[in-house]
């Protein structure tokens, strides 16, 4: 079945912030958001997008100077056709991938909106903090610990306004509280971040 083939393909993409585990979390959270709000979605399109949306950030697909979403969107046709994914759903997968990042507005497709919320939420709360701290010194987002803490603060401030659906907003509030406690405690323990 195509799902098994896609999991085998995606399992090779290991990264502490946007690898295989992130793919699974975003898929599961998107499904949970839909279920809790009683929204009918194309679960096949969500699944395919979840396991392909960040492949543009990995070798051999990564292209210097190109947005990883665009690269992933371009590559998904060939990958999905090879594994027998329903061709009539590929346009929806591409739409989800194209608009998954928090800095891009999703399309009107409910799948794109829910997926966008799920991917954004994965940058928040304890998991969001963990992801950013895990890439300190490994990615240009976080060349050092201070830059990671600044990014956590920026996400705390900016990402809640990017959340669209009611249920995602509830989760966002909880995750924002987790970030607030972390930043407050860290500030106290490091002389307002000066001793990091």
N, C-alpha and C. Protein backbone atom coordinates (compact mmCIF):
# COMPACT_ATOMS: atom_id res chain seq x y z
N UNK A 1 0.84 -1.19 0.00
CA UNK A 1 0.00 0.00 0.00
C UNK A 1 0.89 1.25 0.00
N UNK A 2 0.38 2.32 -0.60
CA UNK A 2 1.18 3.53 -0.76
C UNK A 2 1.59 4.15 0.57
N UNK A 3 0.78 4.01 1.60
CA UNK A 3 1.14 4.60 2.91
C UNK A 3 2.40 3.94 3.46
N UNK A 4 2.49 2.64 3.38
CA UNK A 4 3.68 1.92 3.84
C UNK A 4 4.91 2.34 3.06
N UNK A 5 4.75 2.51 1.75
CA UNK A 5 5.87 2.93 0.92
C UNK A 5 6.31 4.35 1.27
N UNK A 6 5.36 5.21 1.55
CA UNK A 6 5.70 6.59 1.90
C UNK A 6 6.42 6.65 3.25
N UNK A 7 5.98 5.85 4.20
CA UNK A 7 6.65 5.80 5.50
C UNK A 7 8.08 5.31 5.34
N UNK A 8 8.28 4.28 4.53
CA UNK A 8 9.64 3.78 4.29
C UNK A 8 10.51 4.88 3.68
N UNK A 9 9.97 5.60 2.72
CA UNK A 9 10.69 6.68 2.07
C UNK A 9 11.03 7.79 3.08
N UNK A 10 10.05 8.21 3.87
CA UNK A 10 10.23 9.35 4.78
C UNK A 10 11.07 9.02 6.01
N UNK A 11 11.15 7.75 6.37
CA UNK A 11 11.92 7.36 7.56
C UNK A 11 13.39 7.70 7.45
N UNK A 12 13.87 7.90 6.25
CA UNK A 12 15.29 8.23 6.04
C UNK A 12 15.62 9.67 6.43
N UNK A 13 14.60 10.51 6.55
CA UNK A 13 14.83 11.92 6.84
C UNK A 13 14.88 12.15 8.34
N UNK A 14 16.09 12.05 8.87
CA UNK A 14 16.31 12.19 10.31
C UNK A 14 16.84 13.59 10.61
N UNK A 15 16.23 14.24 11.57
CA UNK A 15 16.64 15.58 11.98
C UNK A 15 15.96 15.85 13.31
N UNK A 16 16.63 16.53 14.24
CA UNK A 16 16.01 16.75 15.55
C UNK A 16 14.84 17.73 15.54
N UNK A 17 14.69 18.53 14.48
CA UNK A 17 13.61 19.52 14.48
C UNK A 17 12.56 19.28 13.40
N UNK A 18 12.97 18.88 12.21
CA UNK A 18 11.97 18.72 11.16
C UNK A 18 12.12 17.42 10.39
N UNK A 19 12.43 16.37 11.07
CA UNK A 19 12.55 15.07 10.45
C UNK A 19 11.33 14.20 10.65
N UNK A 20 11.55 12.90 10.59
CA UNK A 20 10.48 11.90 10.59
C UNK A 20 9.53 12.02 11.78
N UNK A 21 10.05 12.29 12.96
CA UNK A 21 9.18 12.43 14.13
C UNK A 21 8.25 13.63 14.00
N UNK A 22 8.78 14.73 13.45
CA UNK A 22 7.96 15.91 13.19
C UNK A 22 6.86 15.57 12.18
N UNK A 23 7.20 14.81 11.16
CA UNK A 23 6.20 14.42 10.16
C UNK A 23 5.02 13.71 10.85
N UNK A 24 5.36 12.75 11.72
CA UNK A 24 4.31 11.98 12.40
C UNK A 24 3.47 12.88 13.32
N UNK A 25 4.15 13.76 14.06
CA UNK A 25 3.40 14.65 14.98
C UNK A 25 2.43 15.55 14.23
N UNK A 26 2.89 16.12 13.11
CA UNK A 26 2.03 17.02 12.36
C UNK A 26 0.84 16.26 11.75
N UNK A 27 1.08 15.07 11.25
CA UNK A 27 -0.02 14.26 10.74
C UNK A 27 -1.04 14.00 11.84
N UNK A 28 -0.57 13.52 12.98
CA UNK A 28 -1.49 13.17 14.08
C UNK A 28 -2.24 14.38 14.61
N UNK A 29 -1.54 15.51 14.75
CA UNK A 29 -2.19 16.70 15.29
C UNK A 29 -3.22 17.25 14.29
N UNK A 30 -2.92 17.19 13.01
CA UNK A 30 -3.90 17.64 12.02
C UNK A 30 -5.16 16.80 12.11
N UNK A 31 -5.00 15.49 12.21
CA UNK A 31 -6.17 14.60 12.34
C UNK A 31 -6.94 14.89 13.63
N UNK A 32 -6.22 15.12 14.72
CA UNK A 32 -6.86 15.43 16.00
C UNK A 32 -7.65 16.75 15.92
N UNK A 33 -7.06 17.75 15.27
CA UNK A 33 -7.76 19.05 15.12
C UNK A 33 -9.04 18.88 14.33
N UNK A 34 -8.98 18.10 13.26
CA UNK A 34 -10.18 17.86 12.44
C UNK A 34 -11.25 17.12 13.24
N UNK A 35 -10.82 16.07 13.95
CA UNK A 35 -11.78 15.26 14.71
C UNK A 35 -12.44 16.07 15.82
N UNK A 36 -11.65 16.83 16.56
CA UNK A 36 -12.20 17.58 17.69
C UNK A 36 -13.15 18.68 17.25
N UNK A 37 -13.01 19.13 15.99
CA UNK A 37 -13.89 20.18 15.48
C UNK A 37 -14.94 19.62 14.51
N UNK A 38 -14.97 18.27 14.42
CA UNK A 38 -15.91 17.56 13.54
C UNK A 38 -15.85 18.08 12.11
N UNK A 39 -14.60 18.22 11.61
CA UNK A 39 -14.37 18.68 10.25
C UNK A 39 -13.94 17.48 9.41
N UNK A 40 -14.65 17.25 8.31
CA UNK A 40 -14.31 16.15 7.41
C UNK A 40 -13.14 16.58 6.53
N UNK A 41 -12.10 15.75 6.49
CA UNK A 41 -10.92 16.08 5.70
C UNK A 41 -10.50 14.89 4.85
N UNK A 42 -9.65 15.18 3.89
CA UNK A 42 -9.05 14.14 3.07
C UNK A 42 -7.81 13.63 3.81
N UNK A 43 -7.96 12.53 4.52
CA UNK A 43 -6.87 12.01 5.34
C UNK A 43 -5.70 11.51 4.49
N UNK A 44 -5.97 11.08 3.27
CA UNK A 44 -4.88 10.66 2.38
C UNK A 44 -3.99 11.85 2.05
N UNK A 45 -4.61 12.98 1.71
CA UNK A 45 -3.83 14.18 1.35
C UNK A 45 -3.03 14.68 2.56
N UNK A 46 -3.63 14.62 3.74
CA UNK A 46 -2.94 15.04 4.96
C UNK A 46 -1.73 14.14 5.20
N UNK A 47 -1.93 12.85 5.11
CA UNK A 47 -0.86 11.88 5.35
C UNK A 47 0.30 12.12 4.39
N UNK A 48 -0.01 12.23 3.10
CA UNK A 48 1.04 12.43 2.10
C UNK A 48 1.78 13.74 2.34
N UNK A 49 1.04 14.81 2.62
CA UNK A 49 1.68 16.11 2.87
C UNK A 49 2.55 16.05 4.12
N UNK A 50 2.06 15.37 5.16
CA UNK A 50 2.83 15.30 6.41
C UNK A 50 4.20 14.67 6.19
N UNK A 51 4.26 13.62 5.40
CA UNK A 51 5.51 12.90 5.22
C UNK A 51 6.39 13.48 4.10
N UNK A 52 5.89 14.50 3.40
CA UNK A 52 6.67 15.10 2.32
C UNK A 52 6.93 16.60 2.50
N UNK A 53 6.24 17.26 3.41
CA UNK A 53 6.26 18.73 3.42
C UNK A 53 7.62 19.36 3.68
N UNK A 54 8.51 18.66 4.35
CA UNK A 54 9.83 19.22 4.66
C UNK A 54 10.99 18.56 3.91
N UNK A 55 10.70 17.70 2.93
CA UNK A 55 11.81 17.00 2.28
C UNK A 55 12.73 17.97 1.52
N UNK A 56 12.23 19.15 1.19
CA UNK A 56 13.06 20.14 0.52
C UNK A 56 14.16 20.69 1.41
N UNK A 57 14.14 20.34 2.69
CA UNK A 57 15.18 20.76 3.63
C UNK A 57 16.27 19.69 3.78
N UNK A 58 16.14 18.57 3.03
CA UNK A 58 17.05 17.44 3.15
C UNK A 58 17.73 17.12 1.83
N UNK A 59 18.97 16.60 1.95
CA UNK A 59 19.67 16.05 0.81
C UNK A 59 18.94 14.78 0.37
N UNK A 60 18.72 14.51 -0.86
CA UNK A 60 19.26 15.16 -2.05
C UNK A 60 18.34 16.23 -2.64
N UNK A 61 17.28 16.60 -1.92
CA UNK A 61 16.31 17.54 -2.47
C UNK A 61 16.64 19.00 -2.18
N UNK A 62 17.35 19.26 -1.11
CA UNK A 62 17.64 20.62 -0.69
C UNK A 62 18.36 21.39 -1.80
N UNK A 63 17.89 22.61 -2.05
CA UNK A 63 18.49 23.46 -3.09
C UNK A 63 18.83 24.81 -2.46
N UNK A 64 20.09 25.15 -2.50
CA UNK A 64 20.55 26.40 -1.89
C UNK A 64 19.79 27.59 -2.49
N UNK A 65 19.31 28.46 -1.61
CA UNK A 65 18.59 29.64 -2.05
C UNK A 65 17.14 29.41 -2.40
N UNK A 66 16.65 28.17 -2.27
CA UNK A 66 15.26 27.85 -2.59
C UNK A 66 14.50 27.52 -1.32
N UNK A 67 13.26 27.95 -1.28
CA UNK A 67 12.38 27.65 -0.16
C UNK A 67 12.09 26.15 -0.13
N UNK A 68 12.24 25.55 1.04
CA UNK A 68 12.07 24.09 1.14
C UNK A 68 10.66 23.64 0.78
N UNK A 69 9.67 24.49 1.02
CA UNK A 69 8.28 24.14 0.68
C UNK A 69 8.10 24.01 -0.82
N UNK A 70 8.67 24.96 -1.56
CA UNK A 70 8.56 24.93 -3.02
C UNK A 70 9.26 23.69 -3.59
N UNK A 71 10.43 23.38 -3.06
CA UNK A 71 11.16 22.21 -3.53
C UNK A 71 10.37 20.94 -3.23
N UNK A 72 9.83 20.83 -2.04
CA UNK A 72 9.03 19.64 -1.67
C UNK A 72 7.80 19.52 -2.57
N UNK A 73 7.17 20.64 -2.84
CA UNK A 73 5.98 20.64 -3.69
C UNK A 73 6.33 20.16 -5.11
N UNK A 74 7.47 20.60 -5.61
CA UNK A 74 7.91 20.18 -6.95
C UNK A 74 8.23 18.68 -7.00
N UNK A 75 8.78 18.15 -5.93
CA UNK A 75 9.21 16.75 -5.91
C UNK A 75 8.08 15.77 -5.65
N UNK A 76 7.00 16.24 -5.05
CA UNK A 76 5.98 15.29 -4.59
C UNK A 76 5.26 14.56 -5.73
N UNK A 77 5.11 15.19 -6.91
CA UNK A 77 4.46 14.50 -8.03
C UNK A 77 5.12 13.16 -8.32
N UNK A 78 6.41 13.20 -8.55
CA UNK A 78 7.15 11.99 -8.91
C UNK A 78 7.11 10.95 -7.80
N UNK A 79 7.33 11.40 -6.58
CA UNK A 79 7.36 10.48 -5.43
C UNK A 79 6.00 9.81 -5.26
N UNK A 80 4.94 10.60 -5.29
CA UNK A 80 3.60 10.05 -5.07
C UNK A 80 3.15 9.14 -6.22
N UNK A 81 3.50 9.48 -7.43
CA UNK A 81 3.14 8.62 -8.56
C UNK A 81 3.86 7.28 -8.48
N UNK A 82 5.12 7.29 -8.05
CA UNK A 82 5.90 6.05 -7.94
C UNK A 82 5.31 5.08 -6.93
N UNK A 83 4.68 5.60 -5.88
CA UNK A 83 4.17 4.71 -4.83
C UNK A 83 2.68 4.40 -4.99
N UNK A 84 2.07 4.92 -6.05
CA UNK A 84 0.68 4.59 -6.32
C UNK A 84 -0.34 5.44 -5.58
N UNK A 85 0.05 6.63 -5.18
CA UNK A 85 -0.89 7.55 -4.52
C UNK A 85 -1.94 7.99 -5.55
N UNK A 86 -3.20 8.15 -5.12
CA UNK A 86 -4.25 8.57 -6.06
C UNK A 86 -3.90 9.91 -6.73
N UNK A 87 -3.73 9.89 -8.03
CA UNK A 87 -3.25 11.08 -8.76
C UNK A 87 -4.20 12.26 -8.65
N UNK A 88 -5.49 12.01 -8.49
CA UNK A 88 -6.45 13.10 -8.41
C UNK A 88 -6.33 13.90 -7.10
N UNK A 89 -5.56 13.38 -6.14
CA UNK A 89 -5.39 14.07 -4.85
C UNK A 89 -4.07 14.82 -4.76
N UNK A 90 -3.22 14.69 -5.75
CA UNK A 90 -1.89 15.31 -5.67
C UNK A 90 -1.99 16.83 -5.59
N UNK A 91 -2.96 17.43 -6.29
CA UNK A 91 -3.09 18.89 -6.24
C UNK A 91 -3.33 19.37 -4.81
N UNK A 92 -4.10 18.61 -4.04
CA UNK A 92 -4.39 18.99 -2.66
C UNK A 92 -3.15 18.85 -1.78
N UNK A 93 -2.38 17.79 -2.01
CA UNK A 93 -1.13 17.59 -1.27
C UNK A 93 -0.19 18.78 -1.52
N UNK A 94 -0.09 19.18 -2.78
CA UNK A 94 0.79 20.30 -3.14
C UNK A 94 0.32 21.60 -2.48
N UNK A 95 -0.98 21.80 -2.43
CA UNK A 95 -1.52 23.01 -1.79
C UNK A 95 -1.19 23.02 -0.30
N UNK A 96 -1.31 21.90 0.35
CA UNK A 96 -0.99 21.79 1.78
C UNK A 96 0.49 22.09 2.00
N UNK A 97 1.35 21.48 1.20
CA UNK A 97 2.80 21.69 1.33
C UNK A 97 3.16 23.14 1.09
N UNK A 98 2.59 23.74 0.05
CA UNK A 98 2.93 25.11 -0.34
C UNK A 98 2.69 26.11 0.78
N UNK A 99 1.64 25.87 1.59
CA UNK A 99 1.24 26.86 2.60
C UNK A 99 1.42 26.37 4.04
N UNK A 100 2.28 25.37 4.25
CA UNK A 100 2.34 24.80 5.60
C UNK A 100 3.05 25.68 6.61
N UNK A 101 3.97 26.53 6.19
CA UNK A 101 4.78 27.30 7.14
C UNK A 101 3.98 28.44 7.78
N UNK A 102 4.35 28.75 9.02
CA UNK A 102 3.65 29.78 9.79
C UNK A 102 3.70 31.16 9.16
N UNK A 103 4.70 31.43 8.33
CA UNK A 103 4.83 32.76 7.73
C UNK A 103 4.10 32.90 6.40
N UNK A 104 3.31 31.90 6.04
CA UNK A 104 2.52 31.92 4.80
C UNK A 104 1.06 31.65 5.17
N UNK A 105 0.15 32.41 4.59
CA UNK A 105 -1.27 32.18 4.83
C UNK A 105 -1.72 30.94 4.06
N UNK A 106 -2.47 30.06 4.72
CA UNK A 106 -2.95 28.87 4.02
C UNK A 106 -4.03 29.23 3.00
N UNK A 107 -4.27 28.33 2.08
CA UNK A 107 -5.36 28.52 1.12
C UNK A 107 -6.70 28.32 1.85
N UNK A 108 -7.78 28.33 1.10
CA UNK A 108 -9.10 28.13 1.71
C UNK A 108 -9.42 26.66 1.95
N UNK A 109 -8.61 25.74 1.44
CA UNK A 109 -8.84 24.32 1.68
C UNK A 109 -8.72 24.02 3.16
N UNK A 110 -9.69 23.33 3.70
CA UNK A 110 -9.69 23.03 5.14
C UNK A 110 -8.46 22.22 5.52
N UNK A 111 -8.00 21.34 4.63
CA UNK A 111 -6.80 20.55 4.92
C UNK A 111 -5.58 21.45 5.08
N UNK A 112 -5.47 22.45 4.23
CA UNK A 112 -4.34 23.37 4.31
C UNK A 112 -4.39 24.20 5.59
N UNK A 113 -5.57 24.61 5.98
CA UNK A 113 -5.73 25.41 7.20
C UNK A 113 -5.36 24.58 8.44
N UNK A 114 -5.90 23.38 8.53
CA UNK A 114 -5.63 22.54 9.70
C UNK A 114 -4.16 22.13 9.76
N UNK A 115 -3.59 21.78 8.61
CA UNK A 115 -2.18 21.38 8.56
C UNK A 115 -1.29 22.56 8.96
N UNK A 116 -1.59 23.74 8.46
CA UNK A 116 -0.85 24.96 8.80
C UNK A 116 -0.88 25.17 10.31
N UNK A 117 -2.06 25.00 10.92
CA UNK A 117 -2.17 25.15 12.39
C UNK A 117 -1.32 24.10 13.10
N UNK A 118 -1.39 22.86 12.65
CA UNK A 118 -0.64 21.78 13.30
C UNK A 118 0.87 22.01 13.19
N UNK A 119 1.33 22.40 12.02
CA UNK A 119 2.76 22.64 11.83
C UNK A 119 3.22 23.83 12.69
N UNK A 120 2.41 24.85 12.76
CA UNK A 120 2.74 26.02 13.60
C UNK A 120 2.78 25.64 15.07
N UNK A 121 1.81 24.86 15.52
CA UNK A 121 1.78 24.43 16.92
C UNK A 121 3.01 23.60 17.29
N UNK A 122 3.60 22.92 16.32
CA UNK A 122 4.78 22.10 16.61
C UNK A 122 6.02 22.96 16.86
N UNK A 123 5.92 24.27 16.62
CA UNK A 123 6.98 25.21 16.98
C UNK A 123 6.71 25.85 18.34
N UNK A 124 5.65 25.43 19.00
CA UNK A 124 5.26 26.05 20.27
C UNK A 124 5.32 25.05 21.42
N UNK A 125 5.27 25.58 22.62
CA UNK A 125 5.24 24.74 23.81
C UNK A 125 6.54 24.00 24.05
N UNK A 126 6.47 22.98 24.87
CA UNK A 126 7.64 22.20 25.23
C UNK A 126 8.29 21.57 24.00
N UNK A 127 7.46 21.08 23.07
CA UNK A 127 8.03 20.46 21.87
C UNK A 127 8.72 21.51 21.00
N UNK A 128 8.14 22.68 20.89
CA UNK A 128 8.77 23.74 20.10
C UNK A 128 10.10 24.17 20.68
N UNK A 129 10.15 24.31 22.00
CA UNK A 129 11.41 24.65 22.69
C UNK A 129 12.44 23.56 22.44
N UNK A 130 12.04 22.33 22.60
CA UNK A 130 12.94 21.19 22.40
C UNK A 130 13.51 21.18 20.99
N UNK A 131 12.65 21.40 20.02
CA UNK A 131 13.10 21.39 18.62
C UNK A 131 14.15 22.47 18.38
N UNK A 132 13.91 23.66 18.89
CA UNK A 132 14.85 24.77 18.65
C UNK A 132 16.16 24.57 19.40
N UNK A 133 16.10 24.06 20.61
CA UNK A 133 17.33 23.81 21.35
C UNK A 133 18.14 22.67 20.73
N UNK A 134 17.44 21.74 20.10
CA UNK A 134 18.12 20.60 19.48
C UNK A 134 18.94 20.99 18.25
N UNK A 135 18.66 22.15 17.66
CA UNK A 135 19.39 22.53 16.44
C UNK A 135 20.39 23.65 16.68
N UNK A 136 20.67 23.96 17.95
CA UNK A 136 21.68 24.98 18.25
C UNK A 136 23.02 24.56 17.64
N UNK A 137 23.59 25.46 16.86
CA UNK A 137 24.87 25.19 16.22
C UNK A 137 24.79 24.30 14.99
N UNK A 138 23.60 23.79 14.67
CA UNK A 138 23.43 22.91 13.52
C UNK A 138 22.73 23.59 12.34
N UNK A 139 21.92 24.59 12.63
CA UNK A 139 21.15 25.27 11.60
C UNK A 139 21.35 26.77 11.72
N UNK A 140 21.17 27.48 10.61
CA UNK A 140 21.38 28.92 10.65
C UNK A 140 20.31 29.66 11.45
N UNK A 141 19.20 29.00 11.73
CA UNK A 141 18.18 29.60 12.59
C UNK A 141 18.74 29.86 13.98
N UNK A 142 19.59 28.95 14.45
CA UNK A 142 20.06 28.99 15.84
C UNK A 142 21.55 28.70 15.90
N UNK A 143 22.39 29.67 15.51
CA UNK A 143 23.83 29.41 15.54
C UNK A 143 24.40 29.23 16.94
N UNK A 144 23.71 29.78 17.95
CA UNK A 144 24.15 29.63 19.33
C UNK A 144 22.94 29.64 20.26
N UNK A 145 23.20 29.40 21.54
CA UNK A 145 22.11 29.28 22.51
C UNK A 145 21.31 30.58 22.64
N UNK A 146 21.98 31.71 22.67
CA UNK A 146 21.26 32.99 22.80
C UNK A 146 20.31 33.21 21.63
N UNK A 147 20.75 32.88 20.44
CA UNK A 147 19.87 33.05 19.27
C UNK A 147 18.66 32.12 19.36
N UNK A 148 18.85 30.92 19.90
CA UNK A 148 17.72 29.99 20.07
C UNK A 148 16.71 30.56 21.06
N UNK A 149 17.20 31.13 22.16
CA UNK A 149 16.30 31.71 23.16
C UNK A 149 15.55 32.90 22.56
N UNK A 150 16.23 33.71 21.76
CA UNK A 150 15.55 34.83 21.10
C UNK A 150 14.47 34.34 20.15
N UNK A 151 14.74 33.23 19.45
CA UNK A 151 13.76 32.68 18.54
C UNK A 151 12.57 32.09 19.29
N UNK A 152 12.83 31.46 20.42
CA UNK A 152 11.73 30.95 21.26
C UNK A 152 10.86 32.12 21.69
N UNK A 153 11.48 33.22 22.12
CA UNK A 153 10.73 34.42 22.52
C UNK A 153 9.92 34.98 21.34
N UNK A 154 10.55 35.01 20.17
CA UNK A 154 9.85 35.52 18.97
C UNK A 154 8.65 34.64 18.63
N UNK A 155 8.83 33.33 18.69
CA UNK A 155 7.72 32.43 18.41
C UNK A 155 6.62 32.58 19.45
N UNK A 156 7.01 32.76 20.71
CA UNK A 156 6.03 33.00 21.78
C UNK A 156 5.19 34.24 21.45
N UNK A 157 5.86 35.29 20.98
CA UNK A 157 5.17 36.54 20.67
C UNK A 157 4.36 36.48 19.38
N UNK A 158 4.91 35.86 18.34
CA UNK A 158 4.34 35.96 16.99
C UNK A 158 3.42 34.83 16.55
N UNK A 159 3.70 33.60 16.96
CA UNK A 159 2.97 32.47 16.39
C UNK A 159 1.50 32.39 16.78
N UNK A 160 1.11 32.81 17.99
CA UNK A 160 -0.33 32.72 18.30
C UNK A 160 -1.23 33.44 17.30
N UNK A 161 -0.76 34.53 16.72
CA UNK A 161 -1.57 35.26 15.74
C UNK A 161 -1.68 34.52 14.41
N UNK A 162 -0.88 33.50 14.21
CA UNK A 162 -0.90 32.73 12.96
C UNK A 162 -1.87 31.55 13.02
N UNK A 163 -2.36 31.24 14.21
CA UNK A 163 -3.27 30.11 14.41
C UNK A 163 -4.68 30.51 13.98
N UNK A 164 -5.37 29.62 13.27
CA UNK A 164 -6.65 29.96 12.67
C UNK A 164 -7.85 29.28 13.34
N UNK A 165 -7.77 27.97 13.55
CA UNK A 165 -8.96 27.24 14.01
C UNK A 165 -9.15 27.32 15.52
N UNK A 166 -10.38 27.14 15.94
CA UNK A 166 -10.76 27.26 17.35
C UNK A 166 -9.99 26.29 18.24
N UNK A 167 -9.96 25.03 17.85
CA UNK A 167 -9.28 24.02 18.68
C UNK A 167 -7.78 24.27 18.74
N UNK A 168 -7.21 24.69 17.63
CA UNK A 168 -5.77 24.98 17.61
C UNK A 168 -5.46 26.16 18.51
N UNK A 169 -6.37 27.12 18.60
CA UNK A 169 -6.16 28.27 19.49
C UNK A 169 -6.14 27.83 20.95
N UNK A 170 -6.96 26.84 21.29
CA UNK A 170 -6.95 26.32 22.67
C UNK A 170 -5.61 25.65 22.98
N UNK A 171 -5.14 24.84 22.06
CA UNK A 171 -3.83 24.18 22.24
C UNK A 171 -2.72 25.22 22.30
N UNK A 172 -2.85 26.24 21.48
CA UNK A 172 -1.86 27.31 21.44
C UNK A 172 -1.74 27.99 22.81
N UNK A 173 -2.85 28.24 23.46
CA UNK A 173 -2.82 28.89 24.78
C UNK A 173 -2.03 28.04 25.79
N UNK A 174 -2.26 26.75 25.77
CA UNK A 174 -1.53 25.86 26.67
C UNK A 174 -0.04 25.88 26.35
N UNK A 175 0.27 25.78 25.08
CA UNK A 175 1.68 25.75 24.68
C UNK A 175 2.36 27.11 24.92
N UNK A 176 1.62 28.17 24.77
CA UNK A 176 2.17 29.50 25.05
C UNK A 176 2.53 29.60 26.54
N UNK A 177 1.67 29.05 27.39
CA UNK A 177 1.96 29.04 28.84
C UNK A 177 3.24 28.26 29.14
N UNK A 178 3.42 27.13 28.47
CA UNK A 178 4.65 26.34 28.66
C UNK A 178 5.88 27.17 28.29
N UNK A 179 5.78 27.91 27.21
CA UNK A 179 6.90 28.74 26.77
C UNK A 179 7.14 29.89 27.75
N UNK A 180 6.05 30.45 28.24
CA UNK A 180 6.17 31.57 29.19
C UNK A 180 6.90 31.14 30.46
N UNK A 181 6.51 29.99 31.00
CA UNK A 181 7.17 29.48 32.21
C UNK A 181 8.65 29.21 31.95
N UNK A 182 8.94 28.59 30.82
CA UNK A 182 10.32 28.30 30.47
C UNK A 182 11.15 29.58 30.40
N UNK A 183 10.66 30.56 29.66
CA UNK A 183 11.40 31.81 29.48
C UNK A 183 11.56 32.57 30.80
N UNK A 184 10.53 32.56 31.61
CA UNK A 184 10.59 33.24 32.91
C UNK A 184 11.62 32.58 33.82
N UNK A 185 11.56 31.26 33.92
CA UNK A 185 12.51 30.53 34.77
C UNK A 185 13.94 30.68 34.26
N UNK A 186 14.11 30.57 32.96
CA UNK A 186 15.45 30.69 32.39
C UNK A 186 16.01 32.10 32.61
N UNK A 187 15.18 33.08 32.46
CA UNK A 187 15.61 34.47 32.71
C UNK A 187 16.08 34.64 34.15
N UNK A 188 15.31 34.10 35.10
CA UNK A 188 15.68 34.21 36.51
C UNK A 188 16.99 33.49 36.82
N UNK A 189 17.21 32.37 36.17
CA UNK A 189 18.39 31.55 36.46
C UNK A 189 19.64 31.99 35.70
N UNK A 190 19.48 32.95 34.77
CA UNK A 190 20.63 33.36 33.96
C UNK A 190 20.79 34.89 33.94
N UNK A 191 20.31 35.56 35.00
CA UNK A 191 20.45 37.01 35.08
C UNK A 191 19.92 37.65 33.79
N UNK A 192 18.65 37.42 33.52
CA UNK A 192 17.98 37.97 32.34
C UNK A 192 18.69 37.56 31.04
N UNK A 193 19.07 36.29 30.98
CA UNK A 193 19.72 35.65 29.81
C UNK A 193 21.18 36.10 29.62
N UNK A 194 21.72 36.90 30.52
CA UNK A 194 23.10 37.36 30.37
C UNK A 194 24.13 36.29 30.68
N UNK A 195 23.72 35.24 31.42
CA UNK A 195 24.68 34.20 31.80
C UNK A 195 24.45 32.91 31.02
N UNK A 196 23.95 33.02 29.83
CA UNK A 196 23.77 31.83 28.98
C UNK A 196 25.11 31.42 28.38
